[in-house]
């Protein structure tokens, strides 16, 4: 800081001051980028936290992912984006003899339905 206090800004022209401002902003950006880049998976602090989390998971007998999720919830950090849950689609087609054989009308037709249609049955016969 002593270097900066020795500088007299009155000695600079407007162009030189603009250049100094530009260089200062550039340097500040580099320093900020450098700060962010320090925290990564090889950072000793990150390794220590990961090891502590592994030990916690081991002592609680839960998977490390569950322990990490609990920590994230405590920090109020979302691990995954919040999504609306899909509503359950009702069954549209049912086998006439076996109630357990159903189809919701999406994806590939089940074998029991495909075979019945090949035998000449109509899709409407199986509608619920």
C-alpha atoms as a PDB file:
ATOM      1  CA  UNK A   1       0.000   0.000   0.000  1.00  0.00           C
ATOM      2  CA  UNK A   2       2.962   2.314   0.510  1.00  0.00           C
ATOM      3  CA  UNK A   3       3.637   2.354  -3.252  1.00  0.00           C
ATOM      4  CA  UNK A   4       0.143   3.646  -3.908  1.00  0.00           C
ATOM      5  CA  UNK A   5       0.366   6.459  -1.367  1.00  0.00           C
ATOM      6  CA  UNK A   6       3.541   7.745  -3.071  1.00  0.00           C
ATOM      7  CA  UNK A   7       1.745   8.138  -6.412  1.00  0.00           C
ATOM      8  CA  UNK A   8       0.469  11.612  -7.199  1.00  0.00           C
ATOM      9  CA  UNK A   9      -2.520  11.300  -9.530  1.00  0.00           C
ATOM     10  CA  UNK A  10      -2.198  14.980 -10.476  1.00  0.00           C
ATOM     11  CA  UNK A  11       0.920  14.090 -12.466  1.00  0.00           C
ATOM     12  CA  UNK A  12      -1.089  11.878 -14.888  1.00  0.00           C
ATOM     13  CA  UNK A  13      -2.958  12.959 -18.001  1.00  0.00           C
ATOM     14  CA  UNK A  14      -6.557  11.904 -18.591  1.00  0.00           C
ATOM     15  CA  UNK A  15      -5.416   9.241 -21.055  1.00  0.00           C
ATOM     16  CA  UNK A  16      -2.891   7.835 -18.570  1.00  0.00           C
ATOM     17  CA  UNK A  17      -5.539   7.738 -15.816  1.00  0.00           C
ATOM     18  CA  UNK A  18      -7.960   5.899 -18.140  1.00  0.00           C
ATOM     19  CA  UNK A  19      -5.224   3.383 -18.907  1.00  0.00           C
ATOM     20  CA  UNK A  20      -4.526   2.975 -15.188  1.00  0.00           C
ATOM     21  CA  UNK A  21      -8.244   2.402 -14.494  1.00  0.00           C
ATOM     22  CA  UNK A  22      -8.410  -0.176 -17.293  1.00  0.00           C
ATOM     23  CA  UNK A  23      -5.334  -2.018 -15.971  1.00  0.00           C
ATOM     24  CA  UNK A  24      -6.716  -1.901 -12.414  1.00  0.00           C
ATOM     25  CA  UNK A  25     -10.050  -3.415 -13.485  1.00  0.00           C
ATOM     26  CA  UNK A  26      -8.208  -6.119 -15.406  1.00  0.00           C
ATOM     27  CA  UNK A  27      -6.071  -6.957 -12.369  1.00  0.00           C
ATOM     28  CA  UNK A  28      -9.096  -7.032 -10.052  1.00  0.00           C
ATOM     29  CA  UNK A  29     -10.825  -9.456 -12.442  1.00  0.00           C
ATOM     30  CA  UNK A  30      -7.728 -11.708 -12.433  1.00  0.00           C
ATOM     31  CA  UNK A  31      -7.613 -11.701  -8.631  1.00  0.00           C
ATOM     32  CA  UNK A  32     -11.324 -12.579  -8.372  1.00  0.00           C
ATOM     33  CA  UNK A  33     -10.905 -15.402 -10.880  1.00  0.00           C
ATOM     34  CA  UNK A  34      -7.886 -16.652  -8.963  1.00  0.00           C
ATOM     35  CA  UNK A  35      -9.898 -16.707  -5.712  1.00  0.00           C
ATOM     36  CA  UNK A  36     -12.705 -18.759  -7.257  1.00  0.00           C
ATOM     37  CA  UNK A  37     -10.317 -21.184  -8.940  1.00  0.00           C
ATOM     38  CA  UNK A  38      -8.674 -22.119  -5.615  1.00  0.00           C
ATOM     39  CA  UNK A  39     -11.660 -24.154  -4.400  1.00  0.00           C
ATOM     40  CA  UNK A  40     -11.651 -27.458  -6.258  1.00  0.00           C
ATOM     41  CA  UNK A  41     -11.539 -31.177  -5.507  1.00  0.00           C
ATOM     42  CA  UNK A  42      -7.779 -31.112  -4.819  1.00  0.00           C
ATOM     43  CA  UNK A  43      -8.011 -28.271  -2.305  1.00  0.00           C
ATOM     44  CA  UNK A  44      -6.838 -29.541   1.129  1.00  0.00           C
ATOM     45  CA  UNK A  45      -9.868 -27.959   2.837  1.00  0.00           C
ATOM     46  CA  UNK A  46     -12.247 -29.665   0.397  1.00  0.00           C
ATOM     47  CA  UNK A  47     -10.476 -32.990   0.957  1.00  0.00           C
ATOM     48  CA  UNK A  48     -10.794 -32.545   4.737  1.00  0.00           C
ATOM     49  CA  UNK A  49     -14.536 -31.819   4.465  1.00  0.00           C
ATOM     50  CA  UNK A  50     -15.010 -34.831   2.149  1.00  0.00           C
ATOM     51  CA  UNK A  51     -13.178 -37.089   4.607  1.00  0.00           C
ATOM     52  CA  UNK A  52     -15.256 -35.767   7.501  1.00  0.00           C
ATOM     53  CA  UNK A  53     -18.421 -36.422   5.492  1.00  0.00           C
ATOM     54  CA  UNK A  54     -17.278 -39.978   4.718  1.00  0.00           C
ATOM     55  CA  UNK A  55     -16.607 -40.584   8.430  1.00  0.00           C
ATOM     56  CA  UNK A  56     -20.028 -39.180   9.356  1.00  0.00           C
ATOM     57  CA  UNK A  57     -21.722 -41.417   6.782  1.00  0.00           C
ATOM     58  CA  UNK A  58     -19.763 -44.422   8.048  1.00  0.00           C
ATOM     59  CA  UNK A  59     -20.633 -43.728  11.692  1.00  0.00           C
ATOM     60  CA  UNK A  60     -24.340 -43.237  10.889  1.00  0.00           C
ATOM     61  CA  UNK A  61     -24.295 -46.252   8.539  1.00  0.00           C
ATOM     62  CA  UNK A  62     -25.778 -44.310   5.615  1.00  0.00           C
ATOM     63  CA  UNK A  63     -24.498 -43.844   2.063  1.00  0.00           C
ATOM     64  CA  UNK A  64     -22.242 -40.776   1.639  1.00  0.00           C
ATOM     65  CA  UNK A  65     -24.737 -39.308  -0.849  1.00  0.00           C
ATOM     66  CA  UNK A  66     -27.428 -39.315   1.872  1.00  0.00           C
ATOM     67  CA  UNK A  67     -25.075 -37.612   4.324  1.00  0.00           C
ATOM     68  CA  UNK A  68     -24.173 -34.995   1.690  1.00  0.00           C
ATOM     69  CA  UNK A  69     -27.864 -34.420   1.001  1.00  0.00           C
ATOM     70  CA  UNK A  70     -28.515 -33.895   4.718  1.00  0.00           C
ATOM     71  CA  UNK A  71     -25.649 -31.405   4.945  1.00  0.00           C
ATOM     72  CA  UNK A  72     -26.907 -29.567   1.857  1.00  0.00           C
ATOM     73  CA  UNK A  73     -30.414 -29.365   3.363  1.00  0.00           C
ATOM     74  CA  UNK A  74     -28.929 -27.969   6.558  1.00  0.00           C
ATOM     75  CA  UNK A  75     -27.107 -25.315   4.505  1.00  0.00           C
ATOM     76  CA  UNK A  76     -30.347 -24.741   2.563  1.00  0.00           C
ATOM     77  CA  UNK A  77     -28.695 -25.692  -0.721  1.00  0.00           C
ATOM     78  CA  UNK A  78     -30.745 -27.567  -3.303  1.00  0.00           C
ATOM     79  CA  UNK A  79     -28.904 -30.653  -4.554  1.00  0.00           C
ATOM     80  CA  UNK A  80     -31.273 -31.062  -7.499  1.00  0.00           C
ATOM     81  CA  UNK A  81     -33.616 -28.614  -9.155  1.00  0.00           C
ATOM     82  CA  UNK A  82     -37.114 -28.609  -7.693  1.00  0.00           C
ATOM     83  CA  UNK A  83     -39.590 -30.274 -10.019  1.00  0.00           C
ATOM     84  CA  UNK A  84     -43.288 -30.810  -9.929  1.00  0.00           C
ATOM     85  CA  UNK A  85     -44.101 -34.435  -9.358  1.00  0.00           C
ATOM     86  CA  UNK A  86     -46.115 -36.071 -12.088  1.00  0.00           C
ATOM     87  CA  UNK A  87     -49.621 -37.129 -11.242  1.00  0.00           C
ATOM     88  CA  UNK A  88     -50.282 -40.833 -11.514  1.00  0.00           C
ATOM     89  CA  UNK A  89     -51.858 -41.725 -14.857  1.00  0.00           C
ATOM     90  CA  UNK A  90     -54.968 -43.875 -14.521  1.00  0.00           C
ATOM     91  CA  UNK A  91     -55.175 -47.324 -16.110  1.00  0.00           C
ATOM     92  CA  UNK A  92     -56.953 -47.156 -19.473  1.00  0.00           C
ATOM     93  CA  UNK A  93     -56.974 -50.816 -20.523  1.00  0.00           C
ATOM     94  CA  UNK A  94     -57.377 -54.011 -18.486  1.00  0.00           C
ATOM     95  CA  UNK A  95     -57.210 -57.705 -19.378  1.00  0.00           C
ATOM     96  CA  UNK A  96     -60.736 -59.174 -19.090  1.00  0.00           C
ATOM     97  CA  UNK A  97     -59.639 -62.287 -17.166  1.00  0.00           C
ATOM     98  CA  UNK A  98     -56.569 -61.123 -15.224  1.00  0.00           C
ATOM     99  CA  UNK A  99     -57.023 -57.803 -13.349  1.00  0.00           C
ATOM    100  CA  UNK A 100     -53.267 -57.501 -12.766  1.00  0.00           C
ATOM    101  CA  UNK A 101     -52.611 -57.108 -16.491  1.00  0.00           C
ATOM    102  CA  UNK A 102     -53.162 -53.436 -17.263  1.00  0.00           C
ATOM    103  CA  UNK A 103     -51.926 -50.760 -19.676  1.00  0.00           C
ATOM    104  CA  UNK A 104     -52.046 -46.987 -19.248  1.00  0.00           C
ATOM    105  CA  UNK A 105     -51.992 -46.333 -22.982  1.00  0.00           C
ATOM    106  CA  UNK A 106     -48.382 -45.113 -23.174  1.00  0.00           C
ATOM    107  CA  UNK A 107     -45.371 -46.802 -24.686  1.00  0.00           C
ATOM    108  CA  UNK A 108     -45.309 -50.185 -26.359  1.00  0.00           C
ATOM    109  CA  UNK A 109     -48.465 -52.271 -26.068  1.00  0.00           C
ATOM    110  CA  UNK A 110     -48.167 -55.219 -23.672  1.00  0.00           C
ATOM    111  CA  UNK A 111     -47.934 -58.689 -25.211  1.00  0.00           C
ATOM    112  CA  UNK A 112     -51.330 -59.800 -23.905  1.00  0.00           C
ATOM    113  CA  UNK A 113     -52.995 -56.847 -25.642  1.00  0.00           C
ATOM    114  CA  UNK A 114     -51.007 -57.169 -28.877  1.00  0.00           C
ATOM    115  CA  UNK A 115     -51.883 -60.878 -29.091  1.00  0.00           C
ATOM    116  CA  UNK A 116     -55.577 -60.208 -28.435  1.00  0.00           C
ATOM    117  CA  UNK A 117     -55.634 -57.522 -31.155  1.00  0.00           C
ATOM    118  CA  UNK A 118     -54.012 -59.960 -33.610  1.00  0.00           C
ATOM    119  CA  UNK A 119     -56.730 -62.501 -32.832  1.00  0.00           C
ATOM    120  CA  UNK A 120     -59.347 -59.956 -33.972  1.00  0.00           C
ATOM    121  CA  UNK A 121     -60.367 -58.266 -30.723  1.00  0.00           C
ATOM    122  CA  UNK A 122     -60.912 -54.491 -30.746  1.00  0.00           C
ATOM    123  CA  UNK A 123     -58.995 -52.108 -28.470  1.00  0.00           C
ATOM    124  CA  UNK A 124     -62.291 -50.715 -27.125  1.00  0.00           C
ATOM    125  CA  UNK A 125     -63.112 -54.132 -25.616  1.00  0.00           C
ATOM    126  CA  UNK A 126     -60.319 -53.695 -23.066  1.00  0.00           C
ATOM    127  CA  UNK A 127     -61.086 -50.065 -22.144  1.00  0.00           C
ATOM    128  CA  UNK A 128     -61.707 -49.451 -18.440  1.00  0.00           C
END
